[in-house]
């Protein structure tokens, strides 16, 4: 029996195990702090909480009574809830039946309402049937009355139009005709009716008659033949123009065409090709004539034509087309007589006239006007970025001043630009050839001035000066570019660009490269590469102070030319047509100036490098095995430092405006001097321990001097560039490591070899052989050491790491020396 009760208790406990989601929902709906309500309730822990000590058992009866009371209350609550649920099913069925009854009643009411609505709709239709018929009748009657009124107006208007046309009452016809046309549009859907079609044909006939009659009146007032014209505008013709606005547009165009042709007939006679005034030198008279015609037209015919016809502008446009054709014809015939000054004079006068037209007229009658966008120039010291503030003069007594003065770029909103001046474009080769000749003379003058005046005087206070000829060249370039862009933005600009390229190269080679100094020793001239050769018992020829300043000045000039050429290319691309932009390319000329800069820096490097050669030669010929004690720096170090202190401050001060190229000079000198120093270091053999210590001290002194090279002798101490410092530290550290290996004992051999590989990271047997020679080892000892060295070399890794391994063996002193010799040969060929 007890077992059954235990099983029942277990089953009941399992049944009371709720899902975690259900338990969480119960806790949210009925929050409780009572331990008995917890899902993980533990009876033992709960009893231990109630009776933590033996003394607390004295209250056990009270606790049991409270629990029994709580159990009775729970039983009562459960009993009440269970009894309340006994009648739920019956109540639900009753509620469902009541809802069904309510739905049936609602359906019946809706059906009744629908039936009543249908009856009401039928009743309304019967009531309004007569009203709809009356509405249709009213609408048709209104349309009929309106159509009859329009028909009456049309019939009367056509009769009046025909009568007024016969009497030439154009003032009344203008208003009446527009009304008749508007009324006739209402009968477009009735054209099938014979009477309506007849009225429409009468209107068309009246329009045709009016057009022919108005053209005849204008022909009579402005005959095509003869030179006499009517004294002024008549009211009849003014009203006829109003009628022409309503007629076919071809009538209006015919009137305009005949009037302008008759108005410009005198111009064709006065400026025929065989007339003296037709040539370019008297082109002003053409524009003066048309300006007088503008005044004459405004006085006589200004009120005759409607303002929207823009007759004055139309006369101007036709005049421009005729003038362009006539000028093109006469210039083809007399092409050999065209000179550059005459051509520029004609172009300037023409562009001034086009500007006059742009100010006076809107250009609304032009069908194909191309407006080009011109960006505002930026403020800069560069001549191609300066604002041209010089005002244009309409009347200048000096013809040369007119031609040579650069003019402002065309306004971007000038629709008349090129309407006449386009005819000069095929003949702009005369201007291009003239600029070619002028630039050739300019370059020759620069060469002559340089020879006559000599190199610029040293001026270390202001830095290396740019040659004045450079600024003159680019100012002239700017003048030519602005002038040509006003003449044409097409192929002539490309031709001018070719001329610019030609003389930029000539300036680079004749003025800059051609004036780089050559070294001399005694009576014979030598190239700069000869300075790199060792000379025993003689002084090495060096550049003078003036020659160093000249090289720096040429370098600064080349740098200015490089930057200004880039600006010139950008400006040319702005001026030229969009379709031709890709043909503007001055990269070749910029590369030429870069070569001049590189050659100048190389000359400065070679001069200082060659000055240090005797000292390095003296170092390699000293008996280092006989040095007994370590003292101050050796004399050869003092000599190297002296040459550096003599040259570097001069170069730095003269390159103050181009600091980046001074940095390049320092880097190139370090890259040239350090490998050469290491190469001479290998020639110092044999070396004693004390000699190696002295060389290590000298190497450290040179390292400190090289690190301080960019600011040596300067009152303002600046930190050397990181790129330069890295080169010096890497190269001179290698020299120091070589000496430290030489100082290390060669016994035991394994330790010596491992120490060499660790310090130098050089896997070349040639370098190791030179180290052994410096230590003064015998050939037998060297052979054993070399064999051990080959055995101790690490195996070259495979894959990407092998490239880095090979790179460690690459930069040997012999290879560096070979590179220097190749560079010498290349520079010798260029110079």
Foldseek 3Di string as FASTA:
>chain_A
DVVVVVVVVVVVLVVPQDDPVVLVVCCVVDPDPDLVSDNPRDVVVVVCVQDVDPVSCVCVVVVVVVVVVVVVVVVVVVVVVVVVCPCPVVVVVVVVVVVVVVVVVVVVVVVVVVVVVVVVVVVVCVVCVVVVVVVVVVVVVVVVVVLVVLVVLLVVLLVVLVVCLVVLVLQVNLVSLVVNVVSLVVCPVVCVDVVNVVSVVSSVVSLVSLLVVLVVVLCVQQPQDDLDHHPAADPSLLSSLSNCVVGDVVSVVVSLVSVLCSLCVVVCVQQPLPDPCVDLVNLVVLLVVLVVSLVVCCVGPVSRHDVVVVSNLVSVLVSLQVNQVRHLVSCVVPVVPDAPLSLLLSLLLVVVSLVVSQVVDQCPPDDDFDFADFDQAADDPQLLRHDDPDDQDPDDPDSVCNRQDQDDADDRRRRSQCSRLVSCVVSCVNVLVVVLVVLVVLLVVLLVVCVVVDFDDQDLQQAQAAPPSLSVVSNVVNSVLRSVLSNDQEDVLLSNLVSVLVSLLVCLVRVQVVPQDFWCDDPDTDGLLVLQDDDPPDARTADDLRNLSRLLNSLVNLVVSLVSVVSVLVSSLSSHDVVCNVSRDNVVSSVSSVVSNVLSLVSLLSRLLSNLVNLLVVVLPDQQQPDDAADAADPSLVSSLVSLLVRLSSSCSNCVVPVVSNLVSLQVNLLQNLLVSLVSVLSNPAHDLRSLVNVLNSLVVVLVCSQQSNQPPHPDGDHRDPVSNVSSCVRSQLVNLLSVLLNDDCPPVLVSLVSNCVRLVALDLVSVLSSVRRNVDDPVVSVVSSVSNVVPDDDQDDDPSNVVSVVSHPDHSVVSVVVVVVVSVVSVVVD
